[in-house]
Amino acid sequence: MTVTIEVAEAIEHALSGIENVSVFQGFVPESVPEYLPNHIKPYVAIFMGVGAGYEDMVGLCGTPDNDSLTVDFTVTCVAQTTHELYALTDTVRDRLATTKIMGDSYANLDWAAAQGQVMLTDSEVTPARLYTPLTYTITIPRG
C-alpha cells in the first residue's frame, strides 16, 4: 500500500465519525442519501493530490528533503442549506485540526485559500447543492 493510499484511508476514517454525514473518496455517486425527498444528507468528498515525492521536496538549504512526504488533498463539504453547510465545514475543520492522521501528523488547512473561499452552488444536480472545498496538506515523516 502506498503512503498516499494510507493517508486517504486515514482521512476517510477521521471524517467517517461525523454524525449524519456521508463520506466519499475520489467520487460522488449520482444518487446520494436523502433525509426527506429532495433534501440531501450532508456529505464530504475527499480528493487526494498526487503528493510531492521525497526527492521533490527541497528544504531551505536547497537540498532535497529525504525525511518527509507532503501530500495535498481537498475535502469538499456539501449540504442542502446554508446552516447545514456552515455546521459541516466547522466540524470538518475541527476534526482535521484535532485528529492525528498518520503517526504524529495533522492535516494543515491552506489558510490562504480558505480566506477567499465562498459557498458555491451546484445547480447541475437535483436538488441543487451548496458546497465549499477546503484544501489541506499533510507532511508525513519518512520511515
N, C-alpha and C. Protein backbone atom coordinates (compact mmCIF):
# COMPACT_ATOMS: atom_id res chain seq x y z
N MET A 1 0.85 -1.18 0.00
CA MET A 1 0.00 0.00 0.00
C MET A 1 0.90 1.24 0.00
N THR A 2 0.54 2.23 -0.79
CA THR A 2 1.34 3.45 -0.87
C THR A 2 0.99 4.40 0.28
N VAL A 3 1.88 5.35 0.52
CA VAL A 3 1.65 6.33 1.57
C VAL A 3 0.40 7.14 1.28
N THR A 4 0.21 7.53 0.00
CA THR A 4 -0.97 8.33 -0.35
C THR A 4 -2.25 7.56 -0.06
N ILE A 5 -2.28 6.27 -0.35
CA ILE A 5 -3.46 5.45 -0.05
C ILE A 5 -3.68 5.39 1.46
N GLU A 6 -2.61 5.20 2.21
CA GLU A 6 -2.73 5.16 3.67
C GLU A 6 -3.27 6.48 4.22
N VAL A 7 -2.76 7.59 3.69
CA VAL A 7 -3.24 8.90 4.14
C VAL A 7 -4.72 9.06 3.79
N ALA A 8 -5.10 8.68 2.57
CA ALA A 8 -6.50 8.79 2.13
C ALA A 8 -7.42 8.00 3.05
N GLU A 9 -7.02 6.78 3.39
CA GLU A 9 -7.83 5.95 4.28
C GLU A 9 -7.90 6.55 5.68
N ALA A 10 -6.81 7.12 6.15
CA ALA A 10 -6.80 7.73 7.49
C ALA A 10 -7.70 8.97 7.54
N ILE A 11 -7.69 9.76 6.46
CA ILE A 11 -8.56 10.94 6.40
C ILE A 11 -10.02 10.50 6.37
N GLU A 12 -10.31 9.49 5.56
CA GLU A 12 -11.68 8.97 5.49
C GLU A 12 -12.14 8.47 6.85
N HIS A 13 -11.26 7.77 7.55
CA HIS A 13 -11.59 7.25 8.88
C HIS A 13 -11.86 8.41 9.85
N ALA A 14 -11.04 9.45 9.79
CA ALA A 14 -11.22 10.61 10.69
C ALA A 14 -12.56 11.30 10.46
N LEU A 15 -12.99 11.37 9.19
CA LEU A 15 -14.23 12.08 8.88
C LEU A 15 -15.46 11.19 8.95
N SER A 16 -15.27 9.88 8.95
CA SER A 16 -16.42 8.96 8.98
C SER A 16 -17.18 9.02 10.29
N GLY A 17 -16.56 9.52 11.33
CA GLY A 17 -17.24 9.58 12.62
C GLY A 17 -18.16 10.78 12.80
N ILE A 18 -18.28 11.64 11.79
CA ILE A 18 -19.15 12.80 11.92
C ILE A 18 -20.60 12.34 11.77
N GLU A 19 -21.41 12.63 12.76
CA GLU A 19 -22.79 12.15 12.80
C GLU A 19 -23.61 12.67 11.61
N ASN A 20 -24.37 11.76 11.01
CA ASN A 20 -25.30 12.07 9.91
C ASN A 20 -24.62 12.68 8.68
N VAL A 21 -23.38 12.28 8.44
CA VAL A 21 -22.65 12.77 7.28
C VAL A 21 -22.07 11.57 6.53
N SER A 22 -22.28 11.55 5.22
CA SER A 22 -21.69 10.51 4.37
C SER A 22 -20.31 10.97 3.94
N VAL A 23 -19.41 10.00 3.72
CA VAL A 23 -18.05 10.31 3.28
C VAL A 23 -17.78 9.53 2.00
N PHE A 24 -17.32 10.25 0.97
CA PHE A 24 -16.97 9.63 -0.31
C PHE A 24 -15.51 9.91 -0.60
N GLN A 25 -14.86 8.98 -1.27
CA GLN A 25 -13.43 9.08 -1.57
C GLN A 25 -13.24 9.10 -3.08
N GLY A 26 -12.84 10.25 -3.64
CA GLY A 26 -12.49 10.34 -5.05
C GLY A 26 -13.64 10.48 -6.03
N PHE A 27 -14.87 10.34 -5.56
CA PHE A 27 -16.03 10.49 -6.44
C PHE A 27 -17.26 10.71 -5.58
N VAL A 28 -18.33 11.15 -6.20
CA VAL A 28 -19.62 11.26 -5.53
C VAL A 28 -20.61 10.50 -6.39
N PRO A 29 -21.35 9.55 -5.82
CA PRO A 29 -22.31 8.80 -6.62
C PRO A 29 -23.41 9.71 -7.16
N GLU A 30 -24.02 9.29 -8.23
CA GLU A 30 -25.09 10.08 -8.83
C GLU A 30 -26.23 10.30 -7.85
N SER A 31 -26.53 9.28 -7.07
CA SER A 31 -27.60 9.37 -6.08
C SER A 31 -26.97 9.35 -4.68
N VAL A 32 -27.19 10.41 -3.91
CA VAL A 32 -26.66 10.48 -2.56
C VAL A 32 -27.81 10.32 -1.56
N PRO A 33 -27.50 9.89 -0.33
CA PRO A 33 -28.56 9.71 0.66
C PRO A 33 -29.35 10.99 0.91
N GLU A 34 -30.65 10.82 1.16
CA GLU A 34 -31.53 11.95 1.46
C GLU A 34 -32.18 11.74 2.81
N TYR A 35 -32.44 12.86 3.53
CA TYR A 35 -33.23 12.82 4.76
C TYR A 35 -34.70 12.67 4.41
N LEU A 36 -35.14 13.52 3.53
CA LEU A 36 -36.52 13.58 3.05
C LEU A 36 -36.44 13.63 1.54
N PRO A 37 -37.54 13.42 0.85
CA PRO A 37 -37.48 13.58 -0.60
C PRO A 37 -36.97 14.98 -0.97
N ASN A 38 -36.02 15.02 -1.86
CA ASN A 38 -35.42 16.27 -2.34
C ASN A 38 -34.69 17.08 -1.27
N HIS A 39 -34.21 16.42 -0.22
CA HIS A 39 -33.37 17.08 0.79
C HIS A 39 -32.20 16.14 1.10
N ILE A 40 -31.03 16.45 0.54
CA ILE A 40 -29.90 15.54 0.70
C ILE A 40 -29.33 15.58 2.11
N LYS A 41 -28.75 14.45 2.48
CA LYS A 41 -28.00 14.35 3.72
C LYS A 41 -26.63 14.99 3.45
N PRO A 42 -26.10 15.80 4.36
CA PRO A 42 -24.78 16.40 4.14
C PRO A 42 -23.72 15.32 3.89
N TYR A 43 -22.73 15.67 3.08
CA TYR A 43 -21.64 14.73 2.82
C TYR A 43 -20.34 15.47 2.54
N VAL A 44 -19.25 14.72 2.64
CA VAL A 44 -17.94 15.24 2.26
C VAL A 44 -17.36 14.32 1.19
N ALA A 45 -16.62 14.92 0.29
CA ALA A 45 -15.91 14.17 -0.75
C ALA A 45 -14.43 14.49 -0.62
N ILE A 46 -13.62 13.45 -0.51
CA ILE A 46 -12.17 13.60 -0.33
C ILE A 46 -11.50 13.35 -1.68
N PHE A 47 -10.68 14.30 -2.10
CA PHE A 47 -9.93 14.17 -3.35
C PHE A 47 -8.45 14.36 -3.04
N MET A 48 -7.67 13.30 -3.22
CA MET A 48 -6.25 13.32 -2.90
C MET A 48 -5.43 13.88 -4.05
N GLY A 49 -4.39 14.66 -3.70
CA GLY A 49 -3.39 15.07 -4.68
C GLY A 49 -2.39 13.94 -4.84
N VAL A 50 -1.49 14.09 -5.77
CA VAL A 50 -0.51 13.03 -6.01
C VAL A 50 0.64 13.09 -5.02
N GLY A 51 0.78 14.20 -4.33
CA GLY A 51 1.84 14.32 -3.35
C GLY A 51 3.16 14.72 -3.98
N ALA A 52 3.98 15.36 -3.21
CA ALA A 52 5.33 15.71 -3.64
C ALA A 52 6.25 14.64 -3.10
N GLY A 53 6.89 13.91 -3.98
CA GLY A 53 7.76 12.81 -3.56
C GLY A 53 8.90 13.31 -2.69
N TYR A 54 9.48 12.41 -1.98
CA TYR A 54 10.58 12.77 -1.07
C TYR A 54 11.66 13.55 -1.81
N GLU A 55 11.99 13.09 -3.01
CA GLU A 55 13.07 13.73 -3.76
C GLU A 55 12.66 15.10 -4.32
N ASP A 56 11.35 15.38 -4.39
CA ASP A 56 10.86 16.65 -4.92
C ASP A 56 10.82 17.75 -3.87
N MET A 57 10.90 17.41 -2.62
CA MET A 57 10.80 18.40 -1.55
C MET A 57 12.18 19.01 -1.29
N VAL A 58 12.30 20.30 -1.49
CA VAL A 58 13.58 20.98 -1.28
C VAL A 58 13.46 21.84 -0.03
N GLY A 59 14.37 21.63 0.89
CA GLY A 59 14.37 22.38 2.14
C GLY A 59 14.95 23.78 1.96
N LEU A 60 14.98 24.54 3.03
CA LEU A 60 15.51 25.90 2.98
C LEU A 60 16.97 25.95 2.54
N CYS A 61 17.70 24.90 2.81
CA CYS A 61 19.11 24.89 2.45
C CYS A 61 19.32 24.52 0.98
N GLY A 62 18.24 24.20 0.25
CA GLY A 62 18.35 23.90 -1.18
C GLY A 62 18.60 22.45 -1.51
N THR A 63 18.62 21.59 -0.51
CA THR A 63 18.81 20.17 -0.78
C THR A 63 17.48 19.45 -0.63
N PRO A 64 17.33 18.31 -1.32
CA PRO A 64 16.06 17.58 -1.21
C PRO A 64 15.77 17.17 0.23
N ASP A 65 14.50 17.20 0.58
CA ASP A 65 14.05 16.73 1.89
C ASP A 65 13.76 15.24 1.75
N ASN A 66 14.69 14.42 2.20
CA ASN A 66 14.52 12.98 2.09
C ASN A 66 13.86 12.38 3.32
N ASP A 67 13.45 13.23 4.25
CA ASP A 67 12.92 12.75 5.52
C ASP A 67 11.41 12.80 5.62
N SER A 68 10.72 13.40 4.62
CA SER A 68 9.27 13.52 4.73
C SER A 68 8.61 13.55 3.36
N LEU A 69 7.32 13.34 3.37
CA LEU A 69 6.50 13.39 2.15
C LEU A 69 5.32 14.31 2.44
N THR A 70 5.07 15.25 1.54
CA THR A 70 3.94 16.15 1.70
C THR A 70 2.87 15.80 0.68
N VAL A 71 1.66 15.59 1.17
CA VAL A 71 0.52 15.24 0.31
C VAL A 71 -0.54 16.32 0.48
N ASP A 72 -1.08 16.77 -0.65
CA ASP A 72 -2.18 17.73 -0.58
C ASP A 72 -3.49 17.01 -0.87
N PHE A 73 -4.57 17.53 -0.32
CA PHE A 73 -5.88 16.94 -0.58
C PHE A 73 -6.95 17.99 -0.37
N THR A 74 -8.10 17.74 -0.96
CA THR A 74 -9.23 18.65 -0.83
C THR A 74 -10.40 17.88 -0.24
N VAL A 75 -11.04 18.47 0.74
CA VAL A 75 -12.28 17.93 1.29
C VAL A 75 -13.38 18.90 0.87
N THR A 76 -14.28 18.42 0.04
CA THR A 76 -15.40 19.25 -0.39
C THR A 76 -16.59 18.95 0.50
N CYS A 77 -17.07 19.97 1.21
CA CYS A 77 -18.23 19.84 2.10
C CYS A 77 -19.47 20.22 1.30
N VAL A 78 -20.50 19.38 1.39
CA VAL A 78 -21.72 19.59 0.59
C VAL A 78 -22.94 19.44 1.49
N ALA A 79 -23.91 20.35 1.32
CA ALA A 79 -25.15 20.29 2.11
C ALA A 79 -26.27 20.97 1.34
N GLN A 80 -27.47 20.82 1.87
CA GLN A 80 -28.66 21.38 1.23
C GLN A 80 -28.89 22.84 1.60
N THR A 81 -28.63 23.18 2.87
CA THR A 81 -28.91 24.54 3.34
C THR A 81 -27.63 25.22 3.82
N THR A 82 -27.68 26.53 3.91
CA THR A 82 -26.50 27.27 4.37
C THR A 82 -26.10 26.86 5.79
N HIS A 83 -27.07 26.71 6.68
CA HIS A 83 -26.74 26.35 8.06
C HIS A 83 -26.13 24.95 8.14
N GLU A 84 -26.64 24.02 7.34
CA GLU A 84 -26.04 22.68 7.31
C GLU A 84 -24.60 22.76 6.80
N LEU A 85 -24.37 23.57 5.79
CA LEU A 85 -23.01 23.68 5.24
C LEU A 85 -22.07 24.36 6.24
N TYR A 86 -22.53 25.41 6.90
CA TYR A 86 -21.69 26.06 7.91
C TYR A 86 -21.31 25.07 9.01
N ALA A 87 -22.29 24.32 9.49
CA ALA A 87 -22.04 23.35 10.56
C ALA A 87 -21.07 22.26 10.09
N LEU A 88 -21.27 21.77 8.88
CA LEU A 88 -20.41 20.72 8.35
C LEU A 88 -18.98 21.23 8.17
N THR A 89 -18.83 22.40 7.60
CA THR A 89 -17.50 22.96 7.37
C THR A 89 -16.76 23.16 8.70
N ASP A 90 -17.45 23.69 9.70
CA ASP A 90 -16.83 23.87 11.02
C ASP A 90 -16.41 22.54 11.61
N THR A 91 -17.27 21.53 11.49
CA THR A 91 -16.98 20.22 12.05
C THR A 91 -15.80 19.57 11.36
N VAL A 92 -15.76 19.64 10.04
CA VAL A 92 -14.64 19.06 9.28
C VAL A 92 -13.33 19.75 9.66
N ARG A 93 -13.33 21.07 9.70
CA ARG A 93 -12.10 21.80 10.06
C ARG A 93 -11.64 21.43 11.47
N ASP A 94 -12.58 21.34 12.40
CA ASP A 94 -12.24 20.97 13.77
C ASP A 94 -11.71 19.54 13.83
N ARG A 95 -12.38 18.63 13.16
CA ARG A 95 -11.98 17.22 13.18
C ARG A 95 -10.57 17.05 12.63
N LEU A 96 -10.27 17.68 11.50
CA LEU A 96 -8.95 17.51 10.90
C LEU A 96 -7.86 18.26 11.66
N ALA A 97 -8.23 19.33 12.36
CA ALA A 97 -7.24 20.08 13.15
C ALA A 97 -6.86 19.36 14.44
N THR A 98 -7.73 18.46 14.91
CA THR A 98 -7.50 17.83 16.22
C THR A 98 -7.28 16.33 16.14
N THR A 99 -7.25 15.76 14.95
CA THR A 99 -7.07 14.32 14.79
C THR A 99 -5.73 14.04 14.13
N LYS A 100 -4.91 13.21 14.77
CA LYS A 100 -3.66 12.78 14.13
C LYS A 100 -4.03 11.86 12.97
N ILE A 101 -3.56 12.22 11.79
CA ILE A 101 -3.91 11.45 10.60
C ILE A 101 -3.00 10.24 10.45
N MET A 102 -1.70 10.46 10.51
CA MET A 102 -0.72 9.36 10.47
C MET A 102 0.39 9.68 11.45
N GLY A 103 0.67 8.75 12.34
CA GLY A 103 1.70 9.00 13.35
C GLY A 103 1.34 10.24 14.15
N ASP A 104 2.25 11.20 14.18
CA ASP A 104 2.00 12.46 14.89
C ASP A 104 1.63 13.59 13.94
N SER A 105 1.25 13.26 12.70
CA SER A 105 0.97 14.28 11.69
C SER A 105 -0.50 14.67 11.64
N TYR A 106 -0.73 15.97 11.62
CA TYR A 106 -2.07 16.53 11.48
C TYR A 106 -2.21 17.14 10.09
N ALA A 107 -3.45 17.24 9.62
CA ALA A 107 -3.72 17.94 8.36
C ALA A 107 -3.67 19.44 8.62
N ASN A 108 -3.09 20.18 7.69
CA ASN A 108 -2.97 21.63 7.81
C ASN A 108 -3.81 22.32 6.75
N LEU A 109 -4.79 23.09 7.20
CA LEU A 109 -5.65 23.82 6.28
C LEU A 109 -4.83 24.87 5.54
N ASP A 110 -5.05 25.00 4.24
CA ASP A 110 -4.41 26.05 3.45
C ASP A 110 -5.15 27.35 3.75
N TRP A 111 -4.66 28.09 4.75
CA TRP A 111 -5.37 29.28 5.22
C TRP A 111 -5.48 30.36 4.15
N ALA A 112 -4.48 30.48 3.29
CA ALA A 112 -4.54 31.49 2.23
C ALA A 112 -5.72 31.22 1.30
N ALA A 113 -5.91 29.95 0.94
CA ALA A 113 -7.04 29.59 0.08
C ALA A 113 -8.36 29.72 0.83
N ALA A 114 -8.36 29.36 2.11
CA ALA A 114 -9.59 29.37 2.90
C ALA A 114 -10.12 30.79 3.11
N GLN A 115 -9.24 31.77 3.17
CA GLN A 115 -9.67 33.15 3.42
C GLN A 115 -10.59 33.66 2.33
N GLY A 116 -10.34 33.27 1.10
CA GLY A 116 -11.15 33.76 0.00
C GLY A 116 -12.23 32.79 -0.44
N GLN A 117 -12.33 31.66 0.27
CA GLN A 117 -13.30 30.64 -0.14
C GLN A 117 -14.72 31.06 0.20
N VAL A 118 -15.60 30.89 -0.75
CA VAL A 118 -17.01 31.22 -0.53
C VAL A 118 -17.86 29.98 -0.80
N MET A 119 -19.09 30.05 -0.36
CA MET A 119 -20.05 28.99 -0.60
C MET A 119 -20.43 29.02 -2.09
N LEU A 120 -20.44 27.87 -2.71
CA LEU A 120 -20.80 27.76 -4.12
C LEU A 120 -22.06 26.93 -4.26
N THR A 121 -22.73 27.02 -5.40
CA THR A 121 -23.95 26.25 -5.65
C THR A 121 -23.76 25.37 -6.86
N ASP A 122 -24.08 24.09 -6.70
CA ASP A 122 -24.09 23.16 -7.83
C ASP A 122 -25.53 23.00 -8.26
N SER A 123 -25.91 23.67 -9.32
CA SER A 123 -27.28 23.59 -9.81
C SER A 123 -27.41 22.60 -10.96
N GLU A 124 -26.34 21.85 -11.24
CA GLU A 124 -26.38 20.83 -12.28
C GLU A 124 -27.06 19.56 -11.79
N VAL A 125 -27.27 19.46 -10.49
CA VAL A 125 -27.91 18.28 -9.90
C VAL A 125 -29.23 18.69 -9.26
N THR A 126 -30.10 17.70 -9.06
CA THR A 126 -31.38 17.95 -8.40
C THR A 126 -31.45 17.07 -7.16
N PRO A 127 -31.72 17.64 -6.01
CA PRO A 127 -31.85 19.08 -5.77
C PRO A 127 -30.49 19.77 -5.82
N ALA A 128 -30.49 21.07 -6.06
CA ALA A 128 -29.24 21.84 -6.09
C ALA A 128 -28.55 21.73 -4.73
N ARG A 129 -27.22 21.81 -4.73
CA ARG A 129 -26.45 21.64 -3.51
C ARG A 129 -25.51 22.80 -3.30
N LEU A 130 -25.30 23.13 -2.04
CA LEU A 130 -24.30 24.12 -1.66
C LEU A 130 -23.02 23.38 -1.30
N TYR A 131 -21.89 23.94 -1.67
CA TYR A 131 -20.64 23.26 -1.35
C TYR A 131 -19.51 24.26 -1.17
N THR A 132 -18.48 23.81 -0.48
CA THR A 132 -17.25 24.59 -0.35
C THR A 132 -16.08 23.62 -0.23
N PRO A 133 -15.06 23.80 -1.07
CA PRO A 133 -13.87 22.95 -0.98
C PRO A 133 -12.87 23.52 0.03
N LEU A 134 -12.28 22.64 0.82
CA LEU A 134 -11.25 23.01 1.78
C LEU A 134 -9.97 22.28 1.39
N THR A 135 -8.89 23.02 1.17
CA THR A 135 -7.63 22.43 0.74
C THR A 135 -6.69 22.28 1.92
N TYR A 136 -6.07 21.10 2.01
CA TYR A 136 -5.16 20.77 3.11
C TYR A 136 -3.85 20.22 2.58
N THR A 137 -2.84 20.24 3.44
CA THR A 137 -1.61 19.50 3.21
C THR A 137 -1.31 18.71 4.48
N ILE A 138 -0.59 17.63 4.29
CA ILE A 138 -0.12 16.87 5.44
C ILE A 138 1.29 16.40 5.11
N THR A 139 2.18 16.53 6.08
CA THR A 139 3.56 16.10 5.89
C THR A 139 3.80 14.88 6.77
N ILE A 140 4.20 13.80 6.12
CA ILE A 140 4.41 12.52 6.80
C ILE A 140 5.92 12.25 6.88
N PRO A 141 6.45 12.01 8.08
CA PRO A 141 7.86 11.64 8.18
C PRO A 141 8.12 10.33 7.45
N ARG A 142 9.24 10.25 6.81
CA ARG A 142 9.62 9.03 6.09
C ARG A 142 10.08 7.99 7.09
N GLY A 143 9.72 6.75 6.78
CA GLY A 143 10.24 5.67 7.59
C GLY A 143 9.28 5.02 8.41
